[in-house]
Amino acid sequence: MDKKNQVPVNTVTRNLSEFAAPTGNIYETVMIIAKRSNQIASDVKQELSKKLEEFSNYADTLEETFENREQIEISKYYEKLPKPTLVATKEFQDGEIFYRKAE
């Protein structure tokens, strides 16, 4: 997770010609980043669901539901993580994403 801490949390203006350089086409670059972003989002969602599953009680009703401090802290941690698109963009810029054309 140290790598995710280096990712900017805010929007950053980027040069499109630098993004298009590795693939030769900005649209291919955007699709590569989008697919990687979906993978990251899926992984984070599974990880969060697994952690929150420990707190679930299947016999809960609305009256029995109570506040769990640990569950809130875990949720806040995941809310503060950088967005998957920003992580994928950083990975693409650093050359950490493997991609190939299906030709």
C-alpha atoms as a PDB file:
ATOM      1  CA  MET A   1       0.000   0.000   0.000  1.00  0.00           C
ATOM      2  CA  ASP A   2       3.031   2.285   0.137  1.00  0.00           C
ATOM      3  CA  LYS A   3       2.820   2.754  -3.614  1.00  0.00           C
ATOM      4  CA  LYS A   4      -0.729   4.076  -3.292  1.00  0.00           C
ATOM      5  CA  ASN A   5       0.440   6.748  -0.852  1.00  0.00           C
ATOM      6  CA  GLN A   6       2.628   8.256  -3.599  1.00  0.00           C
ATOM      7  CA  VAL A   7      -0.350   8.710  -5.904  1.00  0.00           C
ATOM      8  CA  PRO A   8      -1.760  12.255  -5.993  1.00  0.00           C
ATOM      9  CA  VAL A   9      -5.188  12.479  -4.405  1.00  0.00           C
ATOM     10  CA  ASN A  10      -6.279  15.505  -6.441  1.00  0.00           C
ATOM     11  CA  THR A  11      -6.705  16.011 -10.143  1.00  0.00           C
ATOM     12  CA  VAL A  12      -3.493  16.757 -12.025  1.00  0.00           C
ATOM     13  CA  THR A  13      -3.217  18.361 -15.467  1.00  0.00           C
ATOM     14  CA  ARG A  14      -1.340  16.033 -17.822  1.00  0.00           C
ATOM     15  CA  ASN A  15       0.167  16.344 -21.278  1.00  0.00           C
ATOM     16  CA  LEU A  16      -1.844  14.206 -23.720  1.00  0.00           C
ATOM     17  CA  SER A  17       1.037  13.732 -26.141  1.00  0.00           C
ATOM     18  CA  GLU A  18       3.105  12.138 -23.353  1.00  0.00           C
ATOM     19  CA  PHE A  19       0.245   9.749 -22.615  1.00  0.00           C
ATOM     20  CA  ALA A  20      -0.196   8.824 -26.268  1.00  0.00           C
ATOM     21  CA  ALA A  21       3.520   8.197 -26.838  1.00  0.00           C
ATOM     22  CA  PRO A  22       3.747   4.588 -25.535  1.00  0.00           C
ATOM     23  CA  THR A  23       0.740   3.338 -27.514  1.00  0.00           C
ATOM     24  CA  GLY A  24       0.662   5.815 -30.371  1.00  0.00           C
ATOM     25  CA  ASN A  25      -3.007   6.539 -29.702  1.00  0.00           C
ATOM     26  CA  ILE A  26      -4.561   8.437 -26.809  1.00  0.00           C
ATOM     27  CA  TYR A  27      -7.733   6.328 -26.968  1.00  0.00           C
ATOM     28  CA  GLU A  28      -5.774   3.099 -26.518  1.00  0.00           C
ATOM     29  CA  THR A  29      -3.979   4.658 -23.582  1.00  0.00           C
ATOM     30  CA  VAL A  30      -7.267   5.678 -21.975  1.00  0.00           C
ATOM     31  CA  MET A  31      -8.697   2.183 -22.447  1.00  0.00           C
ATOM     32  CA  ILE A  32      -5.607   0.570 -20.906  1.00  0.00           C
ATOM     33  CA  ILE A  33      -5.863   2.870 -17.897  1.00  0.00           C
ATOM     34  CA  ALA A  34      -9.627   2.269 -17.639  1.00  0.00           C
ATOM     35  CA  LYS A  35      -9.255  -1.520 -17.680  1.00  0.00           C
ATOM     36  CA  ARG A  36      -6.510  -1.405 -15.062  1.00  0.00           C
ATOM     37  CA  SER A  37      -8.636   0.966 -12.981  1.00  0.00           C
ATOM     38  CA  ASN A  38     -11.503  -1.546 -13.047  1.00  0.00           C
ATOM     39  CA  GLN A  39      -9.112  -4.283 -11.875  1.00  0.00           C
ATOM     40  CA  ILE A  40      -7.874  -2.139  -8.997  1.00  0.00           C
ATOM     41  CA  ALA A  41     -11.411  -1.160  -7.974  1.00  0.00           C
ATOM     42  CA  SER A  42     -12.490  -4.792  -7.998  1.00  0.00           C
ATOM     43  CA  ASP A  43      -9.515  -5.833  -5.852  1.00  0.00           C
ATOM     44  CA  VAL A  44     -10.128  -3.059  -3.324  1.00  0.00           C
ATOM     45  CA  LYS A  45     -13.837  -3.888  -3.178  1.00  0.00           C
ATOM     46  CA  GLN A  46     -13.121  -7.564  -2.512  1.00  0.00           C
ATOM     47  CA  GLU A  47     -10.569  -6.672   0.154  1.00  0.00           C
ATOM     48  CA  LEU A  48     -12.983  -4.289   1.886  1.00  0.00           C
ATOM     49  CA  SER A  49     -15.859  -6.777   1.698  1.00  0.00           C
ATOM     50  CA  LYS A  50     -13.683  -9.472   3.241  1.00  0.00           C
ATOM     51  CA  LYS A  51     -12.713  -7.189   6.137  1.00  0.00           C
ATOM     52  CA  LEU A  52     -16.265  -5.969   6.735  1.00  0.00           C
ATOM     53  CA  GLU A  53     -17.648  -9.505   6.540  1.00  0.00           C
ATOM     54  CA  GLU A  54     -16.032 -10.194   9.912  1.00  0.00           C
ATOM     55  CA  PHE A  55     -18.393  -7.665  11.482  1.00  0.00           C
ATOM     56  CA  SER A  56     -21.587  -8.883   9.855  1.00  0.00           C
ATOM     57  CA  ASN A  57     -24.134 -10.555  12.014  1.00  0.00           C
ATOM     58  CA  TYR A  58     -26.773 -12.344   9.976  1.00  0.00           C
ATOM     59  CA  ALA A  59     -29.361 -12.195  12.777  1.00  0.00           C
ATOM     60  CA  ASP A  60     -29.347  -8.392  12.892  1.00  0.00           C
ATOM     61  CA  THR A  61     -32.571  -6.504  12.659  1.00  0.00           C
ATOM     62  CA  LEU A  62     -32.900  -2.748  12.516  1.00  0.00           C
ATOM     63  CA  GLU A  63     -33.352  -2.577  16.280  1.00  0.00           C
ATOM     64  CA  GLU A  64     -30.294  -4.744  16.983  1.00  0.00           C
ATOM     65  CA  THR A  65     -27.880  -2.867  14.736  1.00  0.00           C
ATOM     66  CA  PHE A  66     -25.251  -0.964  16.692  1.00  0.00           C
ATOM     67  CA  GLU A  67     -22.250   1.177  15.912  1.00  0.00           C
ATOM     68  CA  ASN A  68     -18.942  -0.659  15.596  1.00  0.00           C
ATOM     69  CA  ARG A  69     -15.883   1.574  15.999  1.00  0.00           C
ATOM     70  CA  GLU A  70     -13.486  -0.790  14.160  1.00  0.00           C
ATOM     71  CA  GLN A  71     -15.823  -1.079  11.201  1.00  0.00           C
ATOM     72  CA  ILE A  72     -16.028   2.714  10.944  1.00  0.00           C
ATOM     73  CA  GLU A  73     -12.226   3.052  11.055  1.00  0.00           C
ATOM     74  CA  ILE A  74     -11.790   0.466   8.290  1.00  0.00           C
ATOM     75  CA  SER A  75     -14.364   2.244   6.133  1.00  0.00           C
ATOM     76  CA  LYS A  76     -12.689   5.621   6.685  1.00  0.00           C
ATOM     77  CA  TYR A  77      -9.309   4.157   5.718  1.00  0.00           C
ATOM     78  CA  TYR A  78     -10.673   2.875   2.406  1.00  0.00           C
ATOM     79  CA  GLU A  79     -12.449   6.171   1.715  1.00  0.00           C
ATOM     80  CA  LYS A  80      -9.127   8.024   2.027  1.00  0.00           C
ATOM     81  CA  LEU A  81      -7.317   5.805  -0.482  1.00  0.00           C
ATOM     82  CA  PRO A  82      -6.635   7.377  -3.889  1.00  0.00           C
ATOM     83  CA  LYS A  83      -9.168   6.653  -6.592  1.00  0.00           C
ATOM     84  CA  PRO A  84      -8.424   3.620  -8.790  1.00  0.00           C
ATOM     85  CA  THR A  85      -8.151   5.803 -11.901  1.00  0.00           C
ATOM     86  CA  LEU A  86      -5.372   7.841 -10.302  1.00  0.00           C
ATOM     87  CA  VAL A  87      -3.531   4.688  -9.242  1.00  0.00           C
ATOM     88  CA  ALA A  88      -3.849   3.209 -12.730  1.00  0.00           C
ATOM     89  CA  THR A  89      -2.652   6.455 -14.319  1.00  0.00           C
ATOM     90  CA  LYS A  90       0.408   6.502 -12.057  1.00  0.00           C
ATOM     91  CA  GLU A  91       1.146   2.861 -12.889  1.00  0.00           C
ATOM     92  CA  PHE A  92       0.878   3.612 -16.615  1.00  0.00           C
ATOM     93  CA  GLN A  93       3.232   6.580 -16.333  1.00  0.00           C
ATOM     94  CA  ASP A  94       5.752   4.493 -14.387  1.00  0.00           C
ATOM     95  CA  GLY A  95       5.584   1.685 -16.977  1.00  0.00           C
ATOM     96  CA  GLU A  96       4.166  -0.847 -14.514  1.00  0.00           C
ATOM     97  CA  ILE A  97       1.217  -1.910 -16.679  1.00  0.00           C
ATOM     98  CA  PHE A  98       1.704  -4.750 -19.148  1.00  0.00           C
ATOM     99  CA  TYR A  99      -0.506  -4.513 -22.236  1.00  0.00           C
ATOM    100  CA  ARG A 100      -0.571  -5.933 -25.744  1.00  0.00           C
ATOM    101  CA  LYS A 101      -2.642  -5.601 -28.891  1.00  0.00           C
ATOM    102  CA  ALA A 102      -4.749  -8.553 -29.990  1.00  0.00           C
ATOM    103  CA  GLU A 103      -3.451  -8.467 -33.543  1.00  0.00           C
END
